[in-house]
């Protein structure tokens, strides 16, 4: 078995996989982040005249993607290592693990600035659907790996946060796409 930390040029001491925790403290952190994202999206919607559900969804998704991408950049190498362990594309193409936070950040920008709505929604549905497949496969194995989607800030089990992220963002993008 190859030590991924060793093969990536990092020592095992520098990068240690952290098992997921199902503690109340970790869930409270997640709820706090979701509440903050919701409040920021609400404020942006009021400030910039959100007049329909799609406007609010766009603000929410934009803030969500920027915040979640930012967490991935904290401990960037650890994220890439962990993500490549369960994402179906990243398992085959390691560069995707390193590109993924940038993809999310780009999607966040597209939503916040309301650019290329059809293309961004299609891309979001695809990226989130692929992510859902990998997470579902890993959860079915009951691996106990912690979710890489929030870096090392929140150490919840993989299925909890990743499924919320992938499924909810994919469904929101699909709803927006169908309403165009």
Foldseek 3Di string as FASTA:
>chain_A
DDDVCVVVVHDCVVAPFDFFDPDPVLVVVVVVVLVVLLVQLVVVCVVVPPDDPLSSLLSSLLSVLQQLLVLCVVQVVNQLVLCCVFQPVCVPPSVCSNCVSVLSNVLSVCSVVVHPLQVSLVVLLVVLVSQLVRLVVVVVVVVRGFDPSRPPPRGHGNCPPSVCVSVVSNVSSVVSNVVD
